[in-house]
């Protein structure tokens, strides 16, 4: 098993920078005008998963951005993936 201090020495500054980036992103969105968006909602739900303290946080965060549907859609409605799944009636 890896030593906690070694992991912190290696990854802390990178994690800190990413958290600051996320906070800045959320500040920009919160200051902007417009409707709510499922992508931002997915980010907020993913952040809640981080607070759990359970060792499967990465899985829970990934699931917040994943499409839970089992059936493929008949045809694409956009040209690219958007990184989060909009609210579905069957989710």
PDB file of N, CA and C in Angstrom:
ATOM      1  N   UNK A   1       0.850  -1.185   0.000  1.00  0.00           N
ATOM      2  CA  UNK A   1       0.000   0.000   0.000  1.00  0.00           C
ATOM      3  C   UNK A   1       0.887   1.237   0.000  1.00  0.00           C
ATOM      4  N   UNK A   2       0.458   2.236  -0.770  1.00  0.00           N
ATOM      5  CA  UNK A   2       1.224   3.474  -0.876  1.00  0.00           C
ATOM      6  C   UNK A   2       1.142   4.274   0.417  1.00  0.00           C
ATOM      7  N   UNK A   3       2.174   5.013   0.669  1.00  0.00           N
ATOM      8  CA  UNK A   3       2.233   5.863   1.850  1.00  0.00           C
ATOM      9  C   UNK A   3       1.453   7.152   1.592  1.00  0.00           C
ATOM     10  N   UNK A   4       0.617   7.535   2.535  1.00  0.00           N
ATOM     11  CA  UNK A   4      -0.234   8.726   2.396  1.00  0.00           C
ATOM     12  C   UNK A   4       0.589   9.986   2.110  1.00  0.00           C
ATOM     13  N   UNK A   5       1.688  10.180   2.846  1.00  0.00           N
ATOM     14  CA  UNK A   5       2.514  11.377   2.650  1.00  0.00           C
ATOM     15  C   UNK A   5       3.102  11.400   1.251  1.00  0.00           C
ATOM     16  N   UNK A   6       3.545  10.264   0.745  1.00  0.00           N
ATOM     17  CA  UNK A   6       4.106  10.218  -0.610  1.00  0.00           C
ATOM     18  C   UNK A   6       3.049  10.591  -1.657  1.00  0.00           C
ATOM     19  N   UNK A   7       1.835  10.086  -1.469  1.00  0.00           N
ATOM     20  CA  UNK A   7       0.753  10.414  -2.401  1.00  0.00           C
ATOM     21  C   UNK A   7       0.467  11.916  -2.344  1.00  0.00           C
ATOM     22  N   UNK A   8       0.396  12.467  -1.137  1.00  0.00           N
ATOM     23  CA  UNK A   8       0.173  13.901  -1.004  1.00  0.00           C
ATOM     24  C   UNK A   8       1.311  14.704  -1.624  1.00  0.00           C
ATOM     25  N   UNK A   9       2.543  14.273  -1.397  1.00  0.00           N
ATOM     26  CA  UNK A   9       3.688  14.978  -1.979  1.00  0.00           C
ATOM     27  C   UNK A   9       3.611  14.982  -3.508  1.00  0.00           C
ATOM     28  N   UNK A  10       3.164  13.883  -4.079  1.00  0.00           N
ATOM     29  CA  UNK A  10       3.102  13.767  -5.532  1.00  0.00           C
ATOM     30  C   UNK A  10       1.919  14.491  -6.156  1.00  0.00           C
ATOM     31  N   UNK A  11       0.756  14.452  -5.534  1.00  0.00           N
ATOM     32  CA  UNK A  11      -0.475  14.864  -6.209  1.00  0.00           C
ATOM     33  C   UNK A  11      -1.206  16.059  -5.609  1.00  0.00           C
ATOM     34  N   UNK A  12      -0.793  16.536  -4.450  1.00  0.00           N
ATOM     35  CA  UNK A  12      -1.554  17.590  -3.788  1.00  0.00           C
ATOM     36  C   UNK A  12      -1.668  18.856  -4.620  1.00  0.00           C
ATOM     37  N   UNK A  13      -0.568  19.368  -5.131  1.00  0.00           N
ATOM     38  CA  UNK A  13      -0.617  20.634  -5.861  1.00  0.00           C
ATOM     39  C   UNK A  13      -1.483  20.537  -7.110  1.00  0.00           C
ATOM     40  N   UNK A  14      -1.437  19.398  -7.794  1.00  0.00           N
ATOM     41  CA  UNK A  14      -2.283  19.198  -8.968  1.00  0.00           C
ATOM     42  C   UNK A  14      -3.760  19.185  -8.566  1.00  0.00           C
ATOM     43  N   UNK A  15      -4.102  18.463  -7.501  1.00  0.00           N
ATOM     44  CA  UNK A  15      -5.485  18.407  -7.034  1.00  0.00           C
ATOM     45  C   UNK A  15      -5.955  19.784  -6.575  1.00  0.00           C
ATOM     46  N   UNK A  16      -5.098  20.500  -5.889  1.00  0.00           N
ATOM     47  CA  UNK A  16      -5.422  21.858  -5.429  1.00  0.00           C
ATOM     48  C   UNK A  16      -5.741  22.761  -6.614  1.00  0.00           C
ATOM     49  N   UNK A  17      -4.916  22.707  -7.653  1.00  0.00           N
ATOM     50  CA  UNK A  17      -5.136  23.536  -8.843  1.00  0.00           C
ATOM     51  C   UNK A  17      -6.451  23.189  -9.521  1.00  0.00           C
ATOM     52  N   UNK A  18      -6.761  21.906  -9.597  1.00  0.00           N
ATOM     53  CA  UNK A  18      -8.017  21.488 -10.224  1.00  0.00           C
ATOM     54  C   UNK A  18      -9.230  21.965  -9.423  1.00  0.00           C
ATOM     55  N   UNK A  19      -9.125  21.900  -8.105  1.00  0.00           N
ATOM     56  CA  UNK A  19     -10.228  22.381  -7.272  1.00  0.00           C
ATOM     57  C   UNK A  19     -10.437  23.885  -7.434  1.00  0.00           C
ATOM     58  N   UNK A  20      -9.337  24.630  -7.530  1.00  0.00           N
ATOM     59  CA  UNK A  20      -9.448  26.071  -7.753  1.00  0.00           C
ATOM     60  C   UNK A  20     -10.068  26.341  -9.121  1.00  0.00           C
ATOM     61  N   UNK A  21      -9.685  25.559 -10.138  1.00  0.00           N
ATOM     62  CA  UNK A  21     -10.291  25.701 -11.470  1.00  0.00           C
ATOM     63  C   UNK A  21     -11.792  25.438 -11.420  1.00  0.00           C
ATOM     64  N   UNK A  22     -12.195  24.412 -10.699  1.00  0.00           N
ATOM     65  CA  UNK A  22     -13.622  24.083 -10.582  1.00  0.00           C
ATOM     66  C   UNK A  22     -14.363  25.211  -9.881  1.00  0.00           C
ATOM     67  N   UNK A  23     -13.786  25.733  -8.809  1.00  0.00           N
ATOM     68  CA  UNK A  23     -14.419  26.840  -8.086  1.00  0.00           C
ATOM     69  C   UNK A  23     -14.558  28.063  -8.986  1.00  0.00           C
ATOM     70  N   UNK A  24     -13.540  28.367  -9.767  1.00  0.00           N
ATOM     71  CA  UNK A  24     -13.598  29.518 -10.674  1.00  0.00           C
ATOM     72  C   UNK A  24     -14.656  29.299 -11.756  1.00  0.00           C
ATOM     73  N   UNK A  25     -14.726  28.095 -12.301  1.00  0.00           N
ATOM     74  CA  UNK A  25     -15.747  27.749 -13.286  1.00  0.00           C
ATOM     75  C   UNK A  25     -17.145  27.956 -12.706  1.00  0.00           C
ATOM     76  N   UNK A  26     -17.367  27.460 -11.497  1.00  0.00           N
ATOM     77  CA  UNK A  26     -18.682  27.580 -10.864  1.00  0.00           C
ATOM     78  C   UNK A  26     -19.013  29.039 -10.569  1.00  0.00           C
ATOM     79  N   UNK A  27     -18.024  29.823 -10.156  1.00  0.00           N
ATOM     80  CA  UNK A  27     -18.242  31.258  -9.933  1.00  0.00           C
ATOM     81  C   UNK A  27     -18.686  31.947 -11.226  1.00  0.00           C
ATOM     82  N   UNK A  28     -18.013  31.630 -12.348  1.00  0.00           N
ATOM     83  CA  UNK A  28     -18.385  32.234 -13.632  1.00  0.00           C
ATOM     84  C   UNK A  28     -19.805  31.863 -14.021  1.00  0.00           C
ATOM     85  N   UNK A  29     -20.163  30.592 -13.868  1.00  0.00           N
ATOM     86  CA  UNK A  29     -21.519  30.151 -14.216  1.00  0.00           C
ATOM     87  C   UNK A  29     -22.538  30.842 -13.320  1.00  0.00           C
ATOM     88  N   UNK A  30     -22.271  30.893 -12.033  1.00  0.00           N
ATOM     89  CA  UNK A  30     -23.219  31.500 -11.093  1.00  0.00           C
ATOM     90  C   UNK A  30     -23.429  32.992 -11.355  1.00  0.00           C
ATOM     91  N   UNK A  31     -22.400  33.675 -11.846  1.00  0.00           N
ATOM     92  CA  UNK A  31     -22.531  35.104 -12.133  1.00  0.00           C
ATOM     93  C   UNK A  31     -23.219  35.378 -13.467  1.00  0.00           C
ATOM     94  N   UNK A  32     -23.297  34.394 -14.329  1.00  0.00           N
ATOM     95  CA  UNK A  32     -23.846  34.583 -15.667  1.00  0.00           C
ATOM     96  C   UNK A  32     -25.375  34.533 -15.661  1.00  0.00           C
ATOM     97  N   UNK A  33     -25.960  35.183 -16.653  1.00  0.00           N
ATOM     98  CA  UNK A  33     -27.400  35.140 -16.838  1.00  0.00           C
ATOM     99  C   UNK A  33     -27.773  33.890 -17.618  1.00  0.00           C
ATOM    100  N   UNK A  34     -29.029  33.491 -17.511  1.00  0.00           N
ATOM    101  CA  UNK A  34     -29.522  32.387 -18.322  1.00  0.00           C
ATOM    102  C   UNK A  34     -30.161  31.293 -17.494  1.00  0.00           C
ATOM    103  N   UNK A  35     -30.641  30.301 -18.212  1.00  0.00           N
ATOM    104  CA  UNK A  35     -31.355  29.169 -17.624  1.00  0.00           C
ATOM    105  C   UNK A  35     -30.381  28.200 -16.936  1.00  0.00           C
ATOM    106  N   UNK A  36     -30.943  27.365 -16.083  1.00  0.00           N
ATOM    107  CA  UNK A  36     -30.130  26.297 -15.504  1.00  0.00           C
ATOM    108  C   UNK A  36     -29.777  25.302 -16.608  1.00  0.00           C
ATOM    109  N   UNK A  37     -28.778  24.483 -16.364  1.00  0.00           N
ATOM    110  CA  UNK A  37     -28.287  23.556 -17.377  1.00  0.00           C
ATOM    111  C   UNK A  37     -27.935  22.234 -16.710  1.00  0.00           C
ATOM    112  N   UNK A  38     -28.292  21.143 -17.358  1.00  0.00           N
ATOM    113  CA  UNK A  38     -28.045  19.817 -16.791  1.00  0.00           C
ATOM    114  C   UNK A  38     -26.565  19.535 -16.591  1.00  0.00           C
ATOM    115  N   UNK A  39     -25.699  20.150 -17.376  1.00  0.00           N
ATOM    116  CA  UNK A  39     -24.258  19.913 -17.217  1.00  0.00           C
ATOM    117  C   UNK A  39     -23.763  20.495 -15.899  1.00  0.00           C
ATOM    118  N   UNK A  40     -24.226  21.692 -15.580  1.00  0.00           N
ATOM    119  CA  UNK A  40     -23.849  22.313 -14.309  1.00  0.00           C
ATOM    120  C   UNK A  40     -24.437  21.515 -13.139  1.00  0.00           C
ATOM    121  N   UNK A  41     -25.683  21.087 -13.305  1.00  0.00           N
ATOM    122  CA  UNK A  41     -26.314  20.262 -12.268  1.00  0.00           C
ATOM    123  C   UNK A  41     -25.520  18.979 -12.033  1.00  0.00           C
ATOM    124  N   UNK A  42     -25.022  18.369 -13.106  1.00  0.00           N
ATOM    125  CA  UNK A  42     -24.209  17.154 -12.977  1.00  0.00           C
ATOM    126  C   UNK A  42     -22.922  17.448 -12.199  1.00  0.00           C
ATOM    127  N   UNK A  43     -22.321  18.601 -12.453  1.00  0.00           N
ATOM    128  CA  UNK A  43     -21.119  18.987 -11.700  1.00  0.00           C
ATOM    129  C   UNK A  43     -21.425  19.114 -10.214  1.00  0.00           C
ATOM    130  N   UNK A  44     -22.546  19.745  -9.898  1.00  0.00           N
ATOM    131  CA  UNK A  44     -22.924  19.926  -8.493  1.00  0.00           C
ATOM    132  C   UNK A  44     -23.169  18.581  -7.815  1.00  0.00           C
ATOM    133  N   UNK A  45     -23.817  17.670  -8.512  1.00  0.00           N
ATOM    134  CA  UNK A  45     -24.057  16.335  -7.953  1.00  0.00           C
ATOM    135  C   UNK A  45     -22.745  15.565  -7.793  1.00  0.00           C
ATOM    136  N   UNK A  46     -21.841  15.726  -8.727  1.00  0.00           N
ATOM    137  CA  UNK A  46     -20.539  15.061  -8.631  1.00  0.00           C
ATOM    138  C   UNK A  46     -19.760  15.573  -7.423  1.00  0.00           C
ATOM    139  N   UNK A  47     -19.846  16.864  -7.160  1.00  0.00           N
ATOM    140  CA  UNK A  47     -19.168  17.416  -5.991  1.00  0.00           C
ATOM    141  C   UNK A  47     -19.737  16.844  -4.694  1.00  0.00           C
ATOM    142  N   UNK A  48     -21.034  16.607  -4.657  1.00  0.00           N
ATOM    143  CA  UNK A  48     -21.638  15.989  -3.475  1.00  0.00           C
ATOM    144  C   UNK A  48     -21.062  14.589  -3.258  1.00  0.00           C
ATOM    145  N   UNK A  49     -20.791  13.878  -4.346  1.00  0.00           N
ATOM    146  CA  UNK A  49     -20.224  12.534  -4.235  1.00  0.00           C
ATOM    147  C   UNK A  49     -18.838  12.575  -3.594  1.00  0.00           C
ATOM    148  N   UNK A  50     -18.112  13.666  -3.788  1.00  0.00           N
ATOM    149  CA  UNK A  50     -16.782  13.790  -3.188  1.00  0.00           C
ATOM    150  C   UNK A  50     -16.848  13.882  -1.671  1.00  0.00           C
ATOM    151  N   UNK A  51     -17.946  14.406  -1.157  1.00  0.00           N
ATOM    152  CA  UNK A  51     -18.079  14.601   0.284  1.00  0.00           C
ATOM    153  C   UNK A  51     -18.344  13.313   1.046  1.00  0.00           C
ATOM    154  N   UNK A  52     -18.630  12.226   0.360  1.00  0.00           N
ATOM    155  CA  UNK A  52     -19.043  10.988   1.027  1.00  0.00           C
ATOM    156  C   UNK A  52     -17.952  10.383   1.913  1.00  0.00           C
ATOM    157  N   UNK A  53     -16.697  10.564   1.536  1.00  0.00           N
ATOM    158  CA  UNK A  53     -15.615   9.964   2.297  1.00  0.00           C
ATOM    159  C   UNK A  53     -15.413   8.483   1.993  1.00  0.00           C
ATOM    160  N   UNK A  54     -16.213   7.928   1.091  1.00  0.00           N
ATOM    161  CA  UNK A  54     -16.081   6.520   0.725  1.00  0.00           C
ATOM    162  C   UNK A  54     -14.972   6.352  -0.316  1.00  0.00           C
ATOM    163  N   UNK A  55     -14.337   5.182  -0.353  1.00  0.00           N
ATOM    164  CA  UNK A  55     -13.220   4.974  -1.276  1.00  0.00           C
ATOM    165  C   UNK A  55     -13.640   4.837  -2.744  1.00  0.00           C
ATOM    166  N   UNK A  56     -14.936   4.865  -3.036  1.00  0.00           N
ATOM    167  CA  UNK A  56     -15.400   4.728  -4.417  1.00  0.00           C
ATOM    168  C   UNK A  56     -15.884   6.066  -4.988  1.00  0.00           C
ATOM    169  N   UNK A  57     -15.304   7.154  -4.520  1.00  0.00           N
ATOM    170  CA  UNK A  57     -15.731   8.484  -4.972  1.00  0.00           C
ATOM    171  C   UNK A  57     -15.546   8.674  -6.466  1.00  0.00           C
ATOM    172  N   UNK A  58     -14.447   8.193  -7.032  1.00  0.00           N
ATOM    173  CA  UNK A  58     -14.207   8.370  -8.472  1.00  0.00           C
ATOM    174  C   UNK A  58     -15.317   7.698  -9.284  1.00  0.00           C
ATOM    175  N   UNK A  59     -15.740   6.520  -8.865  1.00  0.00           N
ATOM    176  CA  UNK A  59     -16.828   5.823  -9.555  1.00  0.00           C
ATOM    177  C   UNK A  59     -18.128   6.627  -9.462  1.00  0.00           C
ATOM    178  N   UNK A  60     -18.427   7.144  -8.283  1.00  0.00           N
ATOM    179  CA  UNK A  60     -19.660   7.913  -8.095  1.00  0.00           C
ATOM    180  C   UNK A  60     -19.653   9.188  -8.934  1.00  0.00           C
ATOM    181  N   UNK A  61     -18.509   9.849  -9.024  1.00  0.00           N
ATOM    182  CA  UNK A  61     -18.400  11.047  -9.849  1.00  0.00           C
ATOM    183  C   UNK A  61     -18.615  10.683 -11.314  1.00  0.00           C
ATOM    184  N   UNK A  62     -17.972   9.631 -11.766  1.00  0.00           N
ATOM    185  CA  UNK A  62     -18.140   9.185 -13.153  1.00  0.00           C
ATOM    186  C   UNK A  62     -19.599   8.870 -13.462  1.00  0.00           C
ATOM    187  N   UNK A  63     -20.276   8.219 -12.540  1.00  0.00           N
ATOM    188  CA  UNK A  63     -21.678   7.871 -12.752  1.00  0.00           C
ATOM    189  C   UNK A  63     -22.574   9.103 -12.848  1.00  0.00           C
ATOM    190  N   UNK A  64     -22.205  10.185 -12.176  1.00  0.00           N
ATOM    191  CA  UNK A  64     -22.992  11.418 -12.266  1.00  0.00           C
ATOM    192  C   UNK A  64     -22.988  11.990 -13.682  1.00  0.00           C
ATOM    193  N   UNK A  65     -21.951  11.692 -14.455  1.00  0.00           N
ATOM    194  CA  UNK A  65     -21.845  12.192 -15.825  1.00  0.00           C
ATOM    195  C   UNK A  65     -22.264  11.153 -16.860  1.00  0.00           C
ATOM    196  N   UNK A  66     -22.649   9.967 -16.420  1.00  0.00           N
ATOM    197  CA  UNK A  66     -22.956   8.870 -17.327  1.00  0.00           C
ATOM    198  C   UNK A  66     -24.437   8.788 -17.669  1.00  0.00           C
ATOM    199  N   UNK A  67     -24.715   8.263 -18.827  1.00  0.00           N
ATOM    200  CA  UNK A  67     -26.085   8.046 -19.290  1.00  0.00           C
ATOM    201  C   UNK A  67     -26.572   6.709 -18.729  1.00  0.00           C
ATOM    202  N   UNK A  68     -27.613   6.715 -17.891  1.00  0.00           N
ATOM    203  CA  UNK A  68     -28.082   5.478 -17.275  1.00  0.00           C
ATOM    204  C   UNK A  68     -29.030   4.664 -18.158  1.00  0.00           C
ATOM    205  N   UNK A  69     -29.358   5.174 -19.344  1.00  0.00           N
ATOM    206  CA  UNK A  69     -30.333   4.472 -20.184  1.00  0.00           C
ATOM    207  C   UNK A  69     -29.742   3.197 -20.777  1.00  0.00           C
ATOM    208  N   UNK A  70     -30.618   2.249 -21.047  1.00  0.00           N
ATOM    209  CA  UNK A  70     -30.215   0.969 -21.628  1.00  0.00           C
ATOM    210  C   UNK A  70     -30.440   0.910 -23.133  1.00  0.00           C
ATOM    211  N   UNK A  71     -31.384   1.697 -23.612  1.00  0.00           N
ATOM    212  CA  UNK A  71     -31.756   1.662 -25.023  1.00  0.00           C
ATOM    213  C   UNK A  71     -31.057   2.777 -25.797  1.00  0.00           C
ATOM    214  N   UNK A  72     -30.534   2.457 -26.983  1.00  0.00           N
ATOM    215  CA  UNK A  72     -29.937   3.515 -27.793  1.00  0.00           C
ATOM    216  C   UNK A  72     -31.017   4.449 -28.333  1.00  0.00           C
ATOM    217  N   UNK A  73     -30.620   5.702 -28.561  1.00  0.00           N
ATOM    218  CA  UNK A  73     -31.563   6.647 -29.140  1.00  0.00           C
ATOM    219  C   UNK A  73     -31.659   6.382 -30.640  1.00  0.00           C
ATOM    220  N   UNK A  74     -32.802   6.711 -31.281  1.00  0.00           N
ATOM    221  CA  UNK A  74     -32.965   6.427 -32.714  1.00  0.00           C
ATOM    222  C   UNK A  74     -31.963   7.163 -33.589  1.00  0.00           C
ATOM    223  N   UNK A  75     -31.679   8.422 -33.247  1.00  0.00           N
ATOM    224  CA  UNK A  75     -30.674   9.169 -34.007  1.00  0.00           C
ATOM    225  C   UNK A  75     -30.137  10.301 -33.139  1.00  0.00           C
ATOM    226  N   UNK A  76     -28.929  10.690 -33.435  1.00  0.00           N
ATOM    227  CA  UNK A  76     -28.274  11.757 -32.677  1.00  0.00           C
ATOM    228  C   UNK A  76     -28.982  13.079 -32.922  1.00  0.00           C
ATOM    229  N   UNK A  77     -29.054  13.894 -31.886  1.00  0.00           N
ATOM    230  CA  UNK A  77     -29.685  15.209 -32.015  1.00  0.00           C
ATOM    231  C   UNK A  77     -28.655  16.336 -32.034  1.00  0.00           C
ATOM    232  N   UNK A  78     -27.413  16.009 -31.729  1.00  0.00           N
ATOM    233  CA  UNK A  78     -26.323  16.982 -31.766  1.00  0.00           C
ATOM    234  C   UNK A  78     -25.123  16.329 -32.428  1.00  0.00           C
ATOM    235  N   UNK A  79     -24.126  17.132 -32.775  1.00  0.00           N
ATOM    236  CA  UNK A  79     -22.966  16.610 -33.483  1.00  0.00           C
ATOM    237  C   UNK A  79     -21.892  16.025 -32.576  1.00  0.00           C
ATOM    238  N   UNK A  80     -21.933  16.360 -31.303  1.00  0.00           N
ATOM    239  CA  UNK A  80     -20.867  15.912 -30.410  1.00  0.00           C
ATOM    240  C   UNK A  80     -21.424  15.579 -29.036  1.00  0.00           C
ATOM    241  N   UNK A  81     -20.647  14.832 -28.287  1.00  0.00           N
ATOM    242  CA  UNK A  81     -21.027  14.526 -26.907  1.00  0.00           C
ATOM    243  C   UNK A  81     -20.950  15.797 -26.079  1.00  0.00           C
ATOM    244  N   UNK A  82     -21.774  15.865 -25.031  1.00  0.00           N
ATOM    245  CA  UNK A  82     -21.778  17.078 -24.201  1.00  0.00           C
ATOM    246  C   UNK A  82     -21.153  16.830 -22.830  1.00  0.00           C
ATOM    247  N   UNK A  83     -20.775  15.603 -22.507  1.00  0.00           N
ATOM    248  CA  UNK A  83     -20.066  15.341 -21.268  1.00  0.00           C
ATOM    249  C   UNK A  83     -20.903  15.049 -20.057  1.00  0.00           C
ATOM    250  N   UNK A  84     -22.220  15.161 -20.194  1.00  0.00           N
ATOM    251  CA  UNK A  84     -23.140  14.852 -19.099  1.00  0.00           C
ATOM    252  C   UNK A  84     -24.451  14.412 -19.727  1.00  0.00           C
ATOM    253  N   UNK A  85     -25.254  13.763 -18.938  1.00  0.00           N
ATOM    254  CA  UNK A  85     -26.514  13.240 -19.460  1.00  0.00           C
ATOM    255  C   UNK A  85     -27.667  14.131 -18.999  1.00  0.00           C
ATOM    256  N   UNK A  86     -28.473  14.596 -19.954  1.00  0.00           N
ATOM    257  CA  UNK A  86     -29.645  15.381 -19.539  1.00  0.00           C
ATOM    258  C   UNK A  86     -30.618  14.516 -18.757  1.00  0.00           C
ATOM    259  N   UNK A  87     -31.495  15.147 -18.004  1.00  0.00           N
ATOM    260  CA  UNK A  87     -32.500  14.402 -17.250  1.00  0.00           C
ATOM    261  C   UNK A  87     -33.311  13.546 -18.209  1.00  0.00           C
ATOM    262  N   UNK A  88     -33.434  12.283 -17.871  1.00  0.00           N
ATOM    263  CA  UNK A  88     -34.219  11.352 -18.682  1.00  0.00           C
ATOM    264  C   UNK A  88     -35.432  10.915 -17.911  1.00  0.00           C
ATOM    265  N   UNK A  89     -36.520  10.645 -18.608  1.00  0.00           N
ATOM    266  CA  UNK A  89     -37.740  10.189 -17.944  1.00  0.00           C
ATOM    267  C   UNK A  89     -37.550   8.839 -17.282  1.00  0.00           C
ATOM    268  N   UNK A  90     -36.654   8.004 -17.812  1.00  0.00           N
ATOM    269  CA  UNK A  90     -36.476   6.649 -17.269  1.00  0.00           C
ATOM    270  C   UNK A  90     -35.319   6.534 -16.308  1.00  0.00           C
ATOM    271  N   UNK A  91     -34.704   7.652 -15.915  1.00  0.00           N
ATOM    272  CA  UNK A  91     -33.563   7.563 -14.993  1.00  0.00           C
ATOM    273  C   UNK A  91     -34.006   7.609 -13.558  1.00  0.00           C
TER     274      UNK A  91
END
